[in-house]
Amino acid sequence: MTKDERIALICQHLYSHGESTIQTIAEITDASLATIRRDLQALEADGVIRRTHGGACIAKSAGVEVAFDLRENQNLYAKRAIADSAFDLIVSNSTIFLDAGTTVLQLARRLRLDPRPVSVFTNCLNVAQVLMNTPGVKIVVLGGQLRAENASMVGPIAEGMLDNLWIDQLFLGAGAIAPDACIYSLDENEARLNQKMIARAANTLLLADSSKFDQRLTYKVAALTHALTLITDDQLPEAWRLRLNEVGCTTLQASTQNQKHDDQDADE
């Protein structure tokens, strides 16, 4: 395990469990106590975690949602596999919209590695940064209010810009997919903007790894119907495959096997 992988695992563990002992962290990362203490010291200096007596927890300053750059490394194999499948569906010389989600960001990274002539609209600063100076890719970033937790632009200005656009393909992320087979978001403004994206797109492709299912957040975005194409990973439970078939949602399952055997880092 590299240092970056170990740091990502520590952050994921603390986000999932709230607080943990140094001993437990050392066991799950297969690292020495001295190494973990150094890692925690560095993370605390960056304001990501707070050390406690004999352990650590995610810092309150990290916000309600774990920071975008930390979430990006969660379920990374699945996200890369989904991004590969989504990339194969991009139509050259079309207009696409890339939403502000960590799985969609992996699609942006994939597009940078193998550029196609497309016009990209996005409300995500990280997506725009990844695709900046990519040959053949034109980028337009929506204006609006910056939502730091997701590095995204939201609000009336962003919604107003969408009113004047027509998108060939929307690649949408998901905060959660609840048992009612609907997409949900933690943020009201983001949910409303997502709804506007769907209304202004000829085709909507939802990129959501299997960990997003059976989760609940506050604001409903849309129902999973025949109007959406879902791209997920091969760990989706059978019960959900049957449920998606019932609601008529076309579902593509990306294999994670190739990703798990690829040791290359997807970061630029």
Protein backbone atom coordinates (compact mmCIF):
# COMPACT_ATOMS: atom_id res chain seq x y z
CA MET A 1 0.00 0.00 0.00
CA THR A 2 1.41 3.39 -0.99
CA LYS A 3 1.32 6.38 1.33
CA ASP A 4 -1.48 8.02 -0.68
CA GLU A 5 -3.54 4.82 -0.55
CA ARG A 6 -2.95 4.55 3.20
CA ILE A 7 -4.00 8.17 3.77
CA ALA A 8 -7.15 7.64 1.70
CA LEU A 9 -8.00 4.49 3.67
CA ILE A 10 -7.49 6.29 6.99
CA CYS A 11 -9.81 9.11 5.92
CA GLN A 12 -12.46 6.72 4.62
CA HIS A 13 -12.33 4.69 7.85
CA LEU A 14 -12.67 7.78 10.05
CA TYR A 15 -15.50 9.16 7.93
CA SER A 16 -17.39 5.85 8.20
CA HIS A 17 -16.77 5.26 11.90
CA GLY A 18 -16.57 8.78 13.30
CA GLU A 19 -13.63 8.05 15.61
CA SER A 20 -11.08 5.27 15.83
CA THR A 21 -8.05 4.25 17.86
CA ILE A 22 -4.52 4.38 16.46
CA GLN A 23 -4.26 0.63 17.00
CA THR A 24 -7.32 -0.06 14.86
CA ILE A 25 -6.10 2.25 12.11
CA ALA A 26 -2.72 0.52 12.14
CA GLU A 27 -4.40 -2.87 11.78
CA ILE A 28 -6.63 -1.93 8.84
CA THR A 29 -3.73 -0.28 6.99
CA ASP A 30 -1.15 -2.91 7.97
CA ALA A 31 1.21 -0.13 9.06
CA SER A 32 3.25 0.51 12.19
CA LEU A 33 1.98 2.69 15.01
CA ALA A 34 4.80 5.16 14.35
CA THR A 35 3.80 5.46 10.69
CA ILE A 36 0.14 6.01 11.59
CA ARG A 37 1.07 8.69 14.13
CA ARG A 38 3.01 10.55 11.42
CA ASP A 39 0.09 10.22 8.99
CA LEU A 40 -2.38 11.52 11.57
CA GLN A 41 -0.09 14.41 12.43
CA ALA A 42 0.04 15.43 8.75
CA LEU A 43 -3.74 15.09 8.34
CA GLU A 44 -4.34 17.18 11.43
CA ALA A 45 -2.00 19.88 10.10
CA ASP A 46 -4.11 19.96 6.92
CA GLY A 47 -7.28 20.35 8.98
CA VAL A 48 -8.76 17.05 7.81
CA ILE A 49 -8.79 15.15 11.11
CA ARG A 50 -8.51 15.88 14.81
CA ARG A 51 -6.37 13.71 17.03
CA THR A 52 -7.90 12.47 20.25
CA HIS A 53 -6.46 10.61 23.22
CA GLY A 54 -5.20 7.40 21.63
CA GLY A 55 -7.01 7.95 18.33
CA ALA A 56 -8.47 10.38 15.81
CA CYS A 57 -11.71 11.60 14.23
CA ILE A 58 -12.76 13.65 11.20
CA ALA A 59 -12.40 17.36 12.00
CA LYS A 60 -15.64 19.32 12.31
CA SER A 61 -14.16 21.89 9.94
CA ALA A 62 -14.27 19.23 7.22
CA GLY A 63 -18.02 19.95 6.93
CA VAL A 64 -21.13 17.80 6.94
CA GLU A 65 -19.94 16.00 3.82
CA VAL A 66 -16.43 14.63 3.73
CA ALA A 67 -14.29 16.79 1.46
CA PHE A 68 -14.50 16.18 -2.28
CA ASP A 69 -10.88 15.07 -2.58
CA LEU A 70 -11.37 12.45 0.13
CA ARG A 71 -14.64 11.15 -1.31
CA GLU A 72 -12.97 10.85 -4.69
CA ASN A 73 -10.92 7.90 -3.40
CA GLN A 74 -13.87 6.00 -1.96
CA ASN A 75 -14.84 2.94 -4.08
CA LEU A 76 -12.28 4.08 -6.63
CA TYR A 77 -12.18 0.79 -8.58
CA ALA A 78 -15.93 0.94 -9.11
CA LYS A 79 -15.86 4.62 -10.09
CA ARG A 80 -13.13 4.03 -12.67
CA ALA A 81 -14.98 1.05 -14.13
CA ILE A 82 -18.18 3.09 -14.39
CA ALA A 83 -16.25 5.96 -15.98
CA ASP A 84 -14.79 3.60 -18.59
CA SER A 85 -18.26 2.37 -19.53
CA ALA A 86 -19.63 5.91 -19.66
CA PHE A 87 -16.71 7.07 -21.81
CA ASP A 88 -17.61 4.49 -24.45
CA LEU A 89 -21.03 6.14 -24.75
CA ILE A 90 -19.79 9.69 -25.38
CA VAL A 91 -20.78 10.83 -28.85
CA SER A 92 -18.09 12.78 -30.71
CA ASN A 93 -18.98 16.29 -31.89
CA SER A 94 -21.83 16.49 -29.41
CA THR A 95 -22.62 18.67 -26.40
CA ILE A 96 -22.34 16.94 -23.03
CA PHE A 97 -22.86 18.03 -19.44
CA LEU A 98 -20.63 16.68 -16.68
CA ASP A 99 -22.18 17.00 -13.24
CA ALA A 100 -20.31 17.73 -10.01
CA GLY A 101 -19.74 14.22 -8.65
CA THR A 102 -16.66 12.17 -7.89
CA THR A 103 -17.62 9.39 -10.33
CA VAL A 104 -18.25 11.96 -13.05
CA LEU A 105 -14.82 13.41 -12.27
CA GLN A 106 -13.32 10.02 -13.13
CA LEU A 107 -15.09 10.28 -16.49
CA ALA A 108 -13.45 13.68 -17.01
CA ARG A 109 -10.06 12.12 -16.25
CA ARG A 110 -10.79 9.38 -18.77
CA LEU A 111 -11.72 11.95 -21.41
CA ARG A 112 -8.49 13.81 -20.79
CA LEU A 113 -6.49 10.62 -21.40
CA ASP A 114 -8.30 9.90 -24.67
CA PRO A 115 -9.73 13.19 -25.96
CA ARG A 116 -12.80 13.35 -28.16
CA PRO A 117 -14.13 16.44 -29.94
CA VAL A 118 -16.97 17.51 -27.64
CA SER A 119 -18.34 20.63 -26.05
CA VAL A 120 -18.44 20.16 -22.29
CA PHE A 121 -20.68 22.15 -19.95
CA THR A 122 -20.14 21.62 -16.24
CA ASN A 123 -20.97 23.14 -12.89
CA CYS A 124 -17.92 21.49 -11.28
CA LEU A 125 -14.66 23.38 -10.87
CA ASN A 126 -12.67 20.16 -10.52
CA VAL A 127 -14.04 18.80 -13.79
CA ALA A 128 -13.15 22.04 -15.58
CA GLN A 129 -9.63 21.94 -14.14
CA VAL A 130 -9.07 18.34 -15.20
CA LEU A 131 -10.21 19.03 -18.77
CA MET A 132 -8.45 22.36 -19.15
CA ASN A 133 -6.24 22.42 -22.28
CA THR A 134 -7.48 19.00 -23.43
CA PRO A 135 -7.24 18.91 -27.26
CA GLY A 136 -10.62 19.08 -28.99
CA VAL A 137 -12.57 19.64 -25.75
CA LYS A 138 -14.35 22.97 -25.34
CA ILE A 139 -15.36 23.81 -21.77
CA VAL A 140 -18.05 26.11 -20.41
CA VAL A 141 -18.48 26.45 -16.64
CA LEU A 142 -21.81 27.54 -15.18
CA GLY A 143 -21.74 30.59 -12.97
CA GLY A 144 -23.47 30.86 -9.63
CA GLN A 145 -22.93 30.27 -5.93
CA LEU A 146 -19.95 28.09 -5.03
CA ARG A 147 -20.87 25.03 -2.99
CA ALA A 148 -17.48 24.17 -1.51
CA GLU A 149 -18.40 20.66 -0.32
CA ASN A 150 -18.83 19.52 -3.91
CA ALA A 151 -16.67 22.13 -5.68
CA SER A 152 -19.83 22.98 -7.61
CA MET A 153 -21.73 26.03 -8.81
CA VAL A 154 -25.42 26.12 -7.83
CA GLY A 155 -28.24 28.61 -7.38
CA PRO A 156 -30.41 30.86 -9.59
CA ILE A 157 -27.58 32.02 -11.87
CA ALA A 158 -26.57 28.47 -12.72
CA GLU A 159 -30.22 27.48 -13.22
CA GLY A 160 -30.75 30.48 -15.49
CA MET A 161 -27.83 29.48 -17.70
CA LEU A 162 -29.31 26.00 -18.09
CA ASP A 163 -32.59 27.50 -19.30
CA ASN A 164 -30.74 28.63 -22.43
CA LEU A 165 -28.99 25.32 -23.15
CA TRP A 166 -29.88 22.04 -24.80
CA ILE A 167 -27.59 19.11 -23.94
CA ASP A 168 -27.17 15.94 -25.99
CA GLN A 169 -25.89 13.83 -23.08
CA LEU A 170 -25.99 14.50 -19.34
CA PHE A 171 -23.64 12.48 -17.14
CA LEU A 172 -25.14 12.82 -13.69
CA GLY A 173 -23.83 11.74 -10.31
CA ALA A 174 -25.91 10.68 -7.30
CA GLY A 175 -25.61 11.43 -3.62
CA ALA A 176 -27.92 8.54 -2.75
CA ILE A 177 -30.47 6.17 -4.28
CA ALA A 178 -33.17 5.36 -1.76
CA PRO A 179 -35.39 2.25 -1.53
CA ASP A 180 -38.15 4.18 -3.36
CA ALA A 181 -35.91 4.05 -6.48
CA CYS A 182 -35.35 7.80 -6.46
CA ILE A 183 -32.15 9.86 -6.56
CA TYR A 184 -31.53 12.13 -3.57
CA SER A 185 -29.12 14.95 -2.70
CA LEU A 186 -27.95 16.44 0.58
CA ASP A 187 -28.30 19.99 -0.74
CA GLU A 188 -31.53 21.68 -1.87
CA ASN A 189 -29.85 23.92 -4.46
CA GLU A 190 -27.92 21.02 -5.94
CA ALA A 191 -31.09 18.91 -6.19
CA ARG A 192 -32.93 21.70 -7.99
CA LEU A 193 -30.04 22.22 -10.42
CA ASN A 194 -29.88 18.48 -11.10
CA GLN A 195 -33.58 18.52 -11.94
CA LYS A 196 -32.97 21.37 -14.38
CA MET A 197 -30.07 19.44 -15.98
CA ILE A 198 -32.32 16.45 -16.61
CA ALA A 199 -35.01 18.66 -18.13
CA ARG A 200 -32.50 20.24 -20.53
CA ALA A 201 -30.86 17.00 -21.72
CA ALA A 202 -31.88 14.68 -24.54
CA ASN A 203 -30.28 11.71 -22.76
CA THR A 204 -29.45 11.33 -19.07
CA LEU A 205 -26.89 8.79 -17.91
CA LEU A 206 -26.69 8.30 -14.15
CA LEU A 207 -23.26 7.28 -12.83
CA ALA A 208 -23.65 5.67 -9.40
CA ASP A 209 -21.59 2.93 -7.76
CA SER A 210 -23.36 0.23 -5.77
CA SER A 211 -22.54 1.84 -2.39
CA LYS A 212 -25.00 4.66 -3.20
CA PHE A 213 -27.98 2.30 -3.16
CA ASP A 214 -30.25 1.92 -0.11
CA GLN A 215 -28.96 5.28 1.15
CA ARG A 216 -31.11 8.26 2.12
CA LEU A 217 -30.51 12.00 1.82
CA THR A 218 -32.90 14.92 2.18
CA TYR A 219 -33.82 16.32 -1.24
CA LYS A 220 -35.33 14.31 -4.07
CA VAL A 221 -33.82 14.81 -7.53
CA ALA A 222 -35.70 12.34 -9.76
CA ALA A 223 -37.11 8.85 -10.00
CA LEU A 224 -35.29 6.04 -11.77
CA THR A 225 -37.41 5.41 -14.87
CA HIS A 226 -37.10 4.43 -18.52
CA ALA A 227 -36.01 8.03 -19.19
CA LEU A 228 -32.67 7.41 -17.45
CA THR A 229 -29.80 5.04 -18.17
CA LEU A 230 -27.99 3.86 -15.04
CA ILE A 231 -24.32 2.89 -15.16
CA THR A 232 -23.22 1.12 -11.97
CA ASP A 233 -20.71 -1.56 -10.97
CA ASP A 234 -20.93 -5.34 -10.79
CA GLN A 235 -21.54 -5.39 -7.03
CA LEU A 236 -25.14 -4.23 -7.32
CA PRO A 237 -27.38 -6.61 -5.31
CA GLU A 238 -29.76 -8.87 -7.20
CA ALA A 239 -32.75 -7.31 -5.45
CA TRP A 240 -31.85 -3.95 -6.92
CA ARG A 241 -31.38 -5.40 -10.40
CA LEU A 242 -34.91 -6.75 -10.21
CA ARG A 243 -36.24 -3.45 -8.85
CA LEU A 244 -34.62 -1.47 -11.66
CA ASN A 245 -36.12 -3.83 -14.20
CA GLU A 246 -39.55 -3.26 -12.64
CA VAL A 247 -39.31 0.53 -12.98
CA GLY A 248 -37.98 0.24 -16.54
CA CYS A 249 -34.59 1.81 -15.92
CA THR A 250 -31.97 0.62 -18.40
CA THR A 251 -28.99 -0.58 -16.36
CA LEU A 252 -25.40 -1.16 -17.43
CA GLN A 253 -23.07 -2.91 -14.99
CA ALA A 254 -19.36 -2.20 -15.35
CA SER A 255 -16.86 -4.89 -14.40
CA THR A 256 -14.39 -3.88 -11.69
CA GLN A 257 -12.00 -6.76 -12.37
CA ASN A 258 -9.79 -4.91 -14.82
CA GLN A 259 -9.60 -1.94 -12.48
CA LYS A 260 -8.54 -4.08 -9.54
CA HIS A 261 -5.62 -5.46 -11.53
CA ASP A 262 -4.49 -2.05 -12.73
CA ASP A 263 -1.93 -0.49 -10.38
CA GLN A 264 -1.67 2.79 -12.27
CA ASP A 265 -2.92 5.91 -10.51
CA ALA A 266 -5.69 7.68 -12.39
CA ASP A 267 -4.62 11.11 -11.11
CA GLU A 268 -2.81 13.42 -13.51
